[in-house]
Amino acid sequence: MRQLERYPVEGPNGLWQIYRTVSPWKGVKNFIFIQLARYCPYLPLKNWIYRKILHMKVGEHTAFGLMVMVDVFFPERIQIGDNSIIGYNTTILAHEYLIKEYRLGQVVIGSNVMIGANCTVLPGVTIGDGAVVAAGSVVHRDVLPGQMVGGNPLRIIREAPASGE
């Protein structure tokens, strides 16, 4: 179950009201630095941008593939453990703007996690340590440590190993 904070909106849809919740200057600054990081081939610089400018929690030796798109408006709500790989062109969102409400949620990705190319990780999910997410998946619910999941809708491909294995 995704852990989301829900905020109702009145009047036009939630996206039209985005700058009531986020400074436009924050959005512009984040967009510029996210675009730099998306194309940057040098992983230490990419992680420095995520940690120091976007205020994400990024563990040691975590690698973001080319074209990864992190949340422009709330990157500080994204946390990734050590030695994880986020595959090419994956999107990690921490917000959803809908017709009658907007939602915010932390995204927690554990250590030693492998997320394949072209995935979408929705707000409010936790992906446990050692999990594997197959390419092209939409992560709309929590993934247990050690579990392998894939698809849209997300399905379990391999269960997490039993304790003590």
N, C-alpha and C. Protein backbone atom coordinates (compact mmCIF):
# COMPACT_ATOMS: atom_id res chain seq x y z
N MET A 1 0.84 -1.19 0.00
CA MET A 1 0.00 0.00 0.00
C MET A 1 0.88 1.25 0.00
N ARG A 2 0.66 2.13 -0.95
CA ARG A 2 1.45 3.35 -1.02
C ARG A 2 1.10 4.27 0.14
N GLN A 3 2.13 4.91 0.69
CA GLN A 3 1.95 5.87 1.77
C GLN A 3 1.93 7.27 1.16
N LEU A 4 0.75 7.85 1.06
CA LEU A 4 0.59 9.15 0.41
C LEU A 4 -0.07 10.15 1.32
N GLU A 5 0.35 11.40 1.20
CA GLU A 5 -0.34 12.52 1.84
C GLU A 5 -1.26 13.09 0.76
N ARG A 6 -2.53 13.27 1.09
CA ARG A 6 -3.52 13.75 0.11
C ARG A 6 -3.96 15.17 0.47
N TYR A 7 -4.02 16.03 -0.55
CA TYR A 7 -4.41 17.41 -0.37
C TYR A 7 -5.49 17.76 -1.39
N PRO A 8 -6.73 17.98 -0.92
CA PRO A 8 -7.79 18.32 -1.87
C PRO A 8 -7.58 19.72 -2.46
N VAL A 9 -8.06 19.92 -3.69
CA VAL A 9 -7.99 21.23 -4.33
C VAL A 9 -9.38 21.62 -4.79
N GLU A 10 -9.62 22.92 -4.80
CA GLU A 10 -10.88 23.45 -5.32
C GLU A 10 -10.56 24.31 -6.53
N GLY A 11 -11.48 24.36 -7.46
CA GLY A 11 -11.25 25.13 -8.67
C GLY A 11 -10.62 24.25 -9.74
N PRO A 12 -9.72 24.83 -10.55
CA PRO A 12 -9.09 24.03 -11.61
C PRO A 12 -8.32 22.85 -11.05
N ASN A 13 -8.00 21.89 -11.91
CA ASN A 13 -7.30 20.68 -11.46
C ASN A 13 -6.01 21.01 -10.71
N GLY A 14 -5.52 20.02 -10.00
CA GLY A 14 -4.37 20.20 -9.12
C GLY A 14 -3.13 20.72 -9.81
N LEU A 15 -2.88 20.31 -11.05
CA LEU A 15 -1.67 20.76 -11.74
C LEU A 15 -1.70 22.25 -12.03
N TRP A 16 -2.89 22.81 -12.26
CA TRP A 16 -2.99 24.25 -12.47
C TRP A 16 -2.65 25.02 -11.19
N GLN A 17 -2.67 24.34 -10.06
CA GLN A 17 -2.42 25.00 -8.78
C GLN A 17 -1.04 24.66 -8.20
N ILE A 18 -0.17 24.11 -9.03
CA ILE A 18 1.11 23.62 -8.55
C ILE A 18 1.94 24.69 -7.83
N TYR A 19 1.91 25.90 -8.31
CA TYR A 19 2.76 26.92 -7.71
C TYR A 19 2.20 27.49 -6.41
N ARG A 20 1.07 26.94 -5.97
CA ARG A 20 0.61 27.21 -4.60
C ARG A 20 1.33 26.27 -3.63
N THR A 21 1.90 25.18 -4.16
CA THR A 21 2.57 24.19 -3.31
C THR A 21 4.08 24.20 -3.48
N VAL A 22 4.57 24.66 -4.63
CA VAL A 22 6.01 24.66 -4.92
C VAL A 22 6.37 25.99 -5.56
N SER A 23 7.46 26.55 -5.12
CA SER A 23 7.94 27.79 -5.72
C SER A 23 8.30 27.56 -7.18
N PRO A 24 7.90 28.46 -8.07
CA PRO A 24 8.31 28.30 -9.47
C PRO A 24 9.82 28.33 -9.63
N TRP A 25 10.50 29.08 -8.78
CA TRP A 25 11.97 29.15 -8.86
C TRP A 25 12.60 27.82 -8.49
N LYS A 26 12.02 27.14 -7.51
CA LYS A 26 12.52 25.81 -7.15
C LYS A 26 12.34 24.87 -8.35
N GLY A 27 11.19 24.91 -8.99
CA GLY A 27 10.94 24.08 -10.15
C GLY A 27 11.92 24.33 -11.27
N VAL A 28 12.21 25.59 -11.56
CA VAL A 28 13.15 25.94 -12.62
C VAL A 28 14.56 25.48 -12.27
N LYS A 29 15.00 25.78 -11.05
CA LYS A 29 16.35 25.37 -10.62
C LYS A 29 16.49 23.85 -10.69
N ASN A 30 15.51 23.14 -10.13
CA ASN A 30 15.58 21.68 -10.13
C ASN A 30 15.58 21.13 -11.55
N PHE A 31 14.74 21.69 -12.42
CA PHE A 31 14.68 21.22 -13.80
C PHE A 31 16.04 21.34 -14.49
N ILE A 32 16.70 22.47 -14.31
CA ILE A 32 18.01 22.68 -14.94
C ILE A 32 19.01 21.65 -14.44
N PHE A 33 19.09 21.45 -13.13
CA PHE A 33 20.08 20.52 -12.59
C PHE A 33 19.73 19.06 -12.88
N ILE A 34 18.45 18.74 -12.92
CA ILE A 34 18.05 17.37 -13.28
C ILE A 34 18.44 17.09 -14.73
N GLN A 35 18.24 18.06 -15.61
CA GLN A 35 18.64 17.86 -17.01
C GLN A 35 20.15 17.68 -17.14
N LEU A 36 20.92 18.44 -16.38
CA LEU A 36 22.38 18.25 -16.38
C LEU A 36 22.74 16.84 -15.92
N ALA A 37 22.11 16.40 -14.83
CA ALA A 37 22.40 15.07 -14.28
C ALA A 37 21.96 13.97 -15.25
N ARG A 38 20.86 14.16 -15.94
CA ARG A 38 20.36 13.13 -16.86
C ARG A 38 21.37 12.79 -17.95
N TYR A 39 22.10 13.79 -18.41
CA TYR A 39 23.04 13.59 -19.52
C TYR A 39 24.48 13.43 -19.05
N CYS A 40 24.73 13.61 -17.78
CA CYS A 40 26.09 13.55 -17.25
C CYS A 40 26.58 12.09 -17.22
N PRO A 41 27.72 11.80 -17.87
CA PRO A 41 28.23 10.43 -17.86
C PRO A 41 29.08 10.11 -16.63
N TYR A 42 29.41 11.12 -15.84
CA TYR A 42 30.32 10.95 -14.72
C TYR A 42 29.52 10.76 -13.43
N LEU A 43 29.46 9.51 -12.94
CA LEU A 43 28.59 9.18 -11.81
C LEU A 43 28.84 9.98 -10.54
N PRO A 44 30.11 10.24 -10.14
CA PRO A 44 30.30 11.05 -8.92
C PRO A 44 29.69 12.45 -9.04
N LEU A 45 29.80 13.09 -10.19
CA LEU A 45 29.21 14.41 -10.37
C LEU A 45 27.69 14.33 -10.34
N LYS A 46 27.15 13.33 -11.00
CA LYS A 46 25.70 13.12 -11.01
C LYS A 46 25.18 12.97 -9.57
N ASN A 47 25.83 12.12 -8.78
CA ASN A 47 25.40 11.92 -7.39
C ASN A 47 25.58 13.18 -6.56
N TRP A 48 26.62 13.96 -6.84
CA TRP A 48 26.83 15.22 -6.12
C TRP A 48 25.66 16.16 -6.39
N ILE A 49 25.22 16.26 -7.63
CA ILE A 49 24.06 17.11 -7.97
C ILE A 49 22.83 16.65 -7.21
N TYR A 50 22.59 15.33 -7.20
CA TYR A 50 21.42 14.81 -6.50
C TYR A 50 21.49 15.10 -5.00
N ARG A 51 22.66 14.90 -4.41
CA ARG A 51 22.79 15.07 -2.96
C ARG A 51 22.81 16.54 -2.54
N LYS A 52 23.68 17.33 -3.16
CA LYS A 52 23.95 18.69 -2.68
C LYS A 52 22.99 19.74 -3.22
N ILE A 53 22.53 19.58 -4.43
CA ILE A 53 21.67 20.60 -5.02
C ILE A 53 20.19 20.23 -4.90
N LEU A 54 19.89 18.95 -5.14
CA LEU A 54 18.49 18.52 -5.10
C LEU A 54 18.08 17.95 -3.74
N HIS A 55 19.05 17.76 -2.84
CA HIS A 55 18.81 17.30 -1.47
C HIS A 55 18.18 15.92 -1.38
N MET A 56 18.50 15.07 -2.35
CA MET A 56 18.09 13.66 -2.28
C MET A 56 19.05 12.93 -1.36
N LYS A 57 18.59 11.84 -0.78
CA LYS A 57 19.47 10.98 0.01
C LYS A 57 19.91 9.85 -0.92
N VAL A 58 21.18 9.87 -1.30
CA VAL A 58 21.71 8.89 -2.25
C VAL A 58 22.90 8.21 -1.61
N GLY A 59 22.85 6.89 -1.52
CA GLY A 59 23.90 6.11 -0.88
C GLY A 59 25.16 6.03 -1.72
N GLU A 60 26.20 5.50 -1.09
CA GLU A 60 27.49 5.32 -1.75
C GLU A 60 27.38 4.31 -2.89
N HIS A 61 28.07 4.60 -3.96
CA HIS A 61 28.17 3.72 -5.13
C HIS A 61 26.84 3.45 -5.82
N THR A 62 25.83 4.27 -5.57
CA THR A 62 24.59 4.15 -6.31
C THR A 62 24.81 4.74 -7.69
N ALA A 63 24.27 4.09 -8.72
CA ALA A 63 24.49 4.50 -10.10
C ALA A 63 23.15 4.79 -10.78
N PHE A 64 23.06 5.98 -11.35
CA PHE A 64 21.89 6.38 -12.12
C PHE A 64 22.25 6.29 -13.59
N GLY A 65 21.50 5.50 -14.34
CA GLY A 65 21.74 5.39 -15.77
C GLY A 65 21.43 6.69 -16.49
N LEU A 66 21.85 6.75 -17.73
CA LEU A 66 21.58 7.90 -18.58
C LEU A 66 20.08 8.14 -18.67
N MET A 67 19.67 9.37 -18.63
CA MET A 67 18.30 9.83 -18.84
C MET A 67 17.33 9.52 -17.69
N VAL A 68 17.83 9.12 -16.53
CA VAL A 68 16.93 8.93 -15.38
C VAL A 68 16.30 10.28 -15.04
N MET A 69 15.00 10.27 -14.80
CA MET A 69 14.26 11.49 -14.48
C MET A 69 13.72 11.39 -13.06
N VAL A 70 14.27 12.21 -12.16
CA VAL A 70 13.76 12.24 -10.80
C VAL A 70 12.74 13.36 -10.68
N ASP A 71 11.94 13.30 -9.65
CA ASP A 71 10.86 14.27 -9.43
C ASP A 71 11.40 15.70 -9.44
N VAL A 72 10.85 16.53 -10.29
CA VAL A 72 11.31 17.92 -10.42
C VAL A 72 10.90 18.76 -9.22
N PHE A 73 9.71 18.53 -8.69
CA PHE A 73 9.20 19.41 -7.66
C PHE A 73 9.54 18.97 -6.24
N PHE A 74 9.73 17.67 -6.01
CA PHE A 74 9.99 17.17 -4.66
C PHE A 74 11.11 16.12 -4.65
N PRO A 75 12.28 16.42 -5.21
CA PRO A 75 13.35 15.42 -5.22
C PRO A 75 13.84 15.07 -3.81
N GLU A 76 13.67 15.96 -2.88
CA GLU A 76 14.11 15.71 -1.50
C GLU A 76 13.31 14.60 -0.83
N ARG A 77 12.24 14.16 -1.44
CA ARG A 77 11.43 13.05 -0.92
C ARG A 77 11.89 11.69 -1.46
N ILE A 78 13.02 11.68 -2.16
CA ILE A 78 13.56 10.44 -2.72
C ILE A 78 14.80 10.02 -1.94
N GLN A 79 14.81 8.75 -1.53
CA GLN A 79 15.93 8.19 -0.77
C GLN A 79 16.34 6.88 -1.41
N ILE A 80 17.64 6.74 -1.69
CA ILE A 80 18.16 5.53 -2.33
C ILE A 80 19.37 5.06 -1.55
N GLY A 81 19.42 3.76 -1.23
CA GLY A 81 20.50 3.19 -0.45
C GLY A 81 21.79 3.04 -1.23
N ASP A 82 22.70 2.27 -0.66
CA ASP A 82 24.03 2.04 -1.23
C ASP A 82 23.98 1.02 -2.36
N ASN A 83 24.87 1.22 -3.33
CA ASN A 83 25.18 0.21 -4.36
C ASN A 83 23.96 -0.21 -5.18
N SER A 84 23.02 0.69 -5.39
CA SER A 84 21.85 0.39 -6.20
C SER A 84 22.04 0.94 -7.61
N ILE A 85 21.30 0.37 -8.57
CA ILE A 85 21.35 0.83 -9.95
C ILE A 85 19.94 1.23 -10.36
N ILE A 86 19.83 2.44 -10.90
CA ILE A 86 18.57 2.94 -11.44
C ILE A 86 18.77 2.98 -12.96
N GLY A 87 18.03 2.15 -13.68
CA GLY A 87 18.25 1.94 -15.11
C GLY A 87 17.87 3.10 -16.00
N TYR A 88 18.39 3.04 -17.20
CA TYR A 88 18.19 4.03 -18.26
C TYR A 88 16.73 4.48 -18.36
N ASN A 89 16.54 5.79 -18.39
CA ASN A 89 15.25 6.40 -18.67
C ASN A 89 14.15 6.08 -17.65
N THR A 90 14.55 5.68 -16.46
CA THR A 90 13.58 5.44 -15.39
C THR A 90 13.11 6.77 -14.82
N THR A 91 11.84 6.83 -14.41
CA THR A 91 11.26 8.01 -13.79
C THR A 91 10.91 7.67 -12.35
N ILE A 92 11.32 8.55 -11.42
CA ILE A 92 10.99 8.38 -10.00
C ILE A 92 10.17 9.60 -9.58
N LEU A 93 8.93 9.38 -9.24
CA LEU A 93 8.01 10.47 -8.87
C LEU A 93 7.73 10.48 -7.38
N ALA A 94 7.62 11.66 -6.81
CA ALA A 94 7.23 11.82 -5.42
C ALA A 94 5.93 12.62 -5.31
N HIS A 95 5.33 12.94 -6.45
CA HIS A 95 4.06 13.68 -6.44
C HIS A 95 3.13 13.15 -7.53
N GLU A 96 1.85 13.40 -7.32
CA GLU A 96 0.80 13.16 -8.32
C GLU A 96 -0.17 14.33 -8.24
N TYR A 97 -0.38 15.02 -9.33
CA TYR A 97 -1.38 16.08 -9.38
C TYR A 97 -2.56 15.55 -10.17
N LEU A 98 -3.72 15.50 -9.51
CA LEU A 98 -4.93 14.93 -10.10
C LEU A 98 -5.99 16.02 -10.26
N ILE A 99 -7.18 15.64 -10.66
CA ILE A 99 -8.26 16.60 -10.89
C ILE A 99 -8.70 17.27 -9.59
N LYS A 100 -9.01 16.48 -8.57
CA LYS A 100 -9.59 17.01 -7.33
C LYS A 100 -8.60 17.05 -6.16
N GLU A 101 -7.37 16.56 -6.37
CA GLU A 101 -6.40 16.56 -5.28
C GLU A 101 -4.99 16.41 -5.85
N TYR A 102 -4.02 16.68 -4.97
CA TYR A 102 -2.66 16.28 -5.30
C TYR A 102 -2.16 15.43 -4.15
N ARG A 103 -1.18 14.57 -4.47
CA ARG A 103 -0.66 13.62 -3.50
C ARG A 103 0.86 13.69 -3.48
N LEU A 104 1.41 13.57 -2.28
CA LEU A 104 2.86 13.53 -2.11
C LEU A 104 3.22 12.27 -1.34
N GLY A 105 4.38 11.71 -1.66
CA GLY A 105 4.83 10.53 -0.93
C GLY A 105 6.32 10.34 -1.03
N GLN A 106 6.89 9.84 0.05
CA GLN A 106 8.31 9.49 0.06
C GLN A 106 8.52 8.30 -0.87
N VAL A 107 9.65 8.25 -1.53
CA VAL A 107 10.07 7.08 -2.29
C VAL A 107 11.35 6.59 -1.63
N VAL A 108 11.31 5.36 -1.14
CA VAL A 108 12.47 4.77 -0.47
C VAL A 108 12.90 3.55 -1.27
N ILE A 109 14.11 3.61 -1.78
CA ILE A 109 14.70 2.51 -2.54
C ILE A 109 15.89 2.04 -1.72
N GLY A 110 15.92 0.77 -1.40
CA GLY A 110 16.94 0.22 -0.52
C GLY A 110 18.31 0.11 -1.16
N SER A 111 19.17 -0.62 -0.49
CA SER A 111 20.53 -0.88 -0.96
C SER A 111 20.54 -2.14 -1.83
N ASN A 112 21.48 -2.18 -2.76
CA ASN A 112 21.66 -3.33 -3.65
C ASN A 112 20.40 -3.65 -4.45
N VAL A 113 19.69 -2.61 -4.84
CA VAL A 113 18.47 -2.73 -5.63
C VAL A 113 18.84 -2.52 -7.11
N MET A 114 18.23 -3.31 -7.97
CA MET A 114 18.41 -3.16 -9.41
C MET A 114 17.06 -2.81 -10.01
N ILE A 115 16.98 -1.61 -10.61
CA ILE A 115 15.78 -1.19 -11.31
C ILE A 115 16.14 -1.11 -12.79
N GLY A 116 15.45 -1.89 -13.61
CA GLY A 116 15.74 -1.96 -15.04
C GLY A 116 15.38 -0.68 -15.77
N ALA A 117 15.69 -0.65 -17.05
CA ALA A 117 15.44 0.52 -17.90
C ALA A 117 13.95 0.78 -18.06
N ASN A 118 13.63 2.05 -18.27
CA ASN A 118 12.27 2.49 -18.62
C ASN A 118 11.21 2.13 -17.59
N CYS A 119 11.56 2.17 -16.33
CA CYS A 119 10.58 1.93 -15.26
C CYS A 119 10.00 3.25 -14.78
N THR A 120 8.85 3.18 -14.14
CA THR A 120 8.26 4.32 -13.46
C THR A 120 8.01 3.90 -12.02
N VAL A 121 8.54 4.69 -11.09
CA VAL A 121 8.35 4.44 -9.66
C VAL A 121 7.43 5.55 -9.16
N LEU A 122 6.25 5.16 -8.66
CA LEU A 122 5.24 6.12 -8.22
C LEU A 122 5.49 6.56 -6.77
N PRO A 123 4.92 7.70 -6.38
CA PRO A 123 5.14 8.21 -5.03
C PRO A 123 4.59 7.27 -3.96
N GLY A 124 5.26 7.30 -2.81
CA GLY A 124 4.77 6.56 -1.65
C GLY A 124 5.15 5.11 -1.59
N VAL A 125 6.07 4.66 -2.47
CA VAL A 125 6.46 3.25 -2.45
C VAL A 125 7.82 3.05 -1.80
N THR A 126 8.00 1.85 -1.28
CA THR A 126 9.29 1.41 -0.74
C THR A 126 9.71 0.17 -1.52
N ILE A 127 10.95 0.19 -1.98
CA ILE A 127 11.54 -0.97 -2.65
C ILE A 127 12.63 -1.47 -1.74
N GLY A 128 12.47 -2.67 -1.20
CA GLY A 128 13.37 -3.20 -0.18
C GLY A 128 14.75 -3.57 -0.70
N ASP A 129 15.68 -3.73 0.24
CA ASP A 129 17.05 -4.09 -0.07
C ASP A 129 17.10 -5.35 -0.94
N GLY A 130 17.98 -5.34 -1.94
CA GLY A 130 18.20 -6.51 -2.76
C GLY A 130 17.09 -6.84 -3.74
N ALA A 131 16.10 -5.98 -3.87
CA ALA A 131 15.00 -6.23 -4.81
C ALA A 131 15.45 -5.99 -6.24
N VAL A 132 14.73 -6.60 -7.17
CA VAL A 132 14.98 -6.42 -8.60
C VAL A 132 13.66 -6.04 -9.25
N VAL A 133 13.68 -4.96 -10.04
CA VAL A 133 12.50 -4.51 -10.78
C VAL A 133 12.83 -4.65 -12.26
N ALA A 134 12.06 -5.47 -12.97
CA ALA A 134 12.30 -5.73 -14.39
C ALA A 134 12.08 -4.47 -15.22
N ALA A 135 12.77 -4.39 -16.34
CA ALA A 135 12.66 -3.26 -17.25
C ALA A 135 11.21 -3.04 -17.67
N GLY A 136 10.84 -1.77 -17.80
CA GLY A 136 9.52 -1.42 -18.28
C GLY A 136 8.40 -1.52 -17.26
N SER A 137 8.73 -1.71 -16.01
CA SER A 137 7.71 -1.90 -14.96
C SER A 137 7.19 -0.58 -14.42
N VAL A 138 5.96 -0.62 -13.90
CA VAL A 138 5.39 0.50 -13.16
C VAL A 138 5.27 0.05 -11.71
N VAL A 139 6.07 0.65 -10.83
CA VAL A 139 6.07 0.28 -9.42
C VAL A 139 5.01 1.11 -8.72
N HIS A 140 3.85 0.50 -8.50
CA HIS A 140 2.71 1.19 -7.90
C HIS A 140 2.42 0.69 -6.48
N ARG A 141 3.26 -0.22 -5.99
CA ARG A 141 3.11 -0.72 -4.62
C ARG A 141 4.48 -1.13 -4.11
N ASP A 142 4.56 -1.36 -2.81
CA ASP A 142 5.83 -1.72 -2.18
C ASP A 142 6.37 -3.03 -2.74
N VAL A 143 7.69 -3.12 -2.78
CA VAL A 143 8.39 -4.34 -3.19
C VAL A 143 9.20 -4.81 -1.99
N LEU A 144 9.03 -6.07 -1.61
CA LEU A 144 9.71 -6.61 -0.44
C LEU A 144 11.20 -6.79 -0.70
N PRO A 145 12.02 -6.76 0.36
CA PRO A 145 13.44 -7.02 0.18
C PRO A 145 13.66 -8.37 -0.50
N GLY A 146 14.56 -8.40 -1.49
CA GLY A 146 14.90 -9.62 -2.18
C GLY A 146 13.91 -10.09 -3.23
N GLN A 147 12.79 -9.42 -3.34
CA GLN A 147 11.76 -9.83 -4.29
C GLN A 147 12.13 -9.37 -5.71
N MET A 148 11.72 -10.14 -6.71
CA MET A 148 11.85 -9.72 -8.10
C MET A 148 10.45 -9.49 -8.64
N VAL A 149 10.24 -8.30 -9.22
CA VAL A 149 8.92 -7.93 -9.72
C VAL A 149 9.05 -7.39 -11.14
N GLY A 150 7.93 -7.36 -11.86
CA GLY A 150 7.96 -6.79 -13.19
C GLY A 150 6.57 -6.60 -13.74
N GLY A 151 6.49 -5.76 -14.76
CA GLY A 151 5.26 -5.58 -15.52
C GLY A 151 4.42 -4.39 -15.12
N ASN A 152 3.29 -4.30 -15.83
CA ASN A 152 2.28 -3.29 -15.57
C ASN A 152 0.94 -3.94 -15.90
N PRO A 153 0.18 -4.35 -14.88
CA PRO A 153 0.42 -4.12 -13.45
C PRO A 153 1.59 -4.96 -12.92
N LEU A 154 2.16 -4.47 -11.85
CA LEU A 154 3.32 -5.10 -11.25
C LEU A 154 2.96 -6.49 -10.71
N ARG A 155 3.78 -7.48 -11.07
CA ARG A 155 3.58 -8.86 -10.60
C ARG A 155 4.86 -9.37 -9.98
N ILE A 156 4.70 -10.32 -9.06
CA ILE A 156 5.86 -10.94 -8.44
C ILE A 156 6.39 -12.01 -9.41
N ILE A 157 7.67 -11.92 -9.72
CA ILE A 157 8.34 -12.91 -10.58
C ILE A 157 9.02 -13.95 -9.71
N ARG A 158 9.64 -13.48 -8.63
CA ARG A 158 10.30 -14.38 -7.68
C ARG A 158 10.07 -13.83 -6.28
N GLU A 159 9.63 -14.69 -5.39
CA GLU A 159 9.41 -14.29 -4.01
C GLU A 159 10.72 -13.96 -3.32
N ALA A 160 10.65 -13.19 -2.28
CA ALA A 160 11.82 -12.91 -1.47
C ALA A 160 12.28 -14.20 -0.80
N PRO A 161 13.59 -14.39 -0.65
CA PRO A 161 14.08 -15.59 0.02
C PRO A 161 13.56 -15.62 1.47
N ALA A 162 13.30 -16.84 1.97
CA ALA A 162 12.85 -16.98 3.35
C ALA A 162 13.97 -16.54 4.29
N SER A 163 13.63 -16.12 5.48
CA SER A 163 14.63 -15.71 6.46
C SER A 163 15.62 -16.83 6.72
N GLY A 164 16.88 -16.48 6.79
CA GLY A 164 17.92 -17.44 7.11
C GLY A 164 18.50 -18.14 5.90
N GLU A 165 17.99 -17.84 4.68
CA GLU A 165 18.54 -18.49 3.48
C GLU A 165 19.71 -17.73 2.96
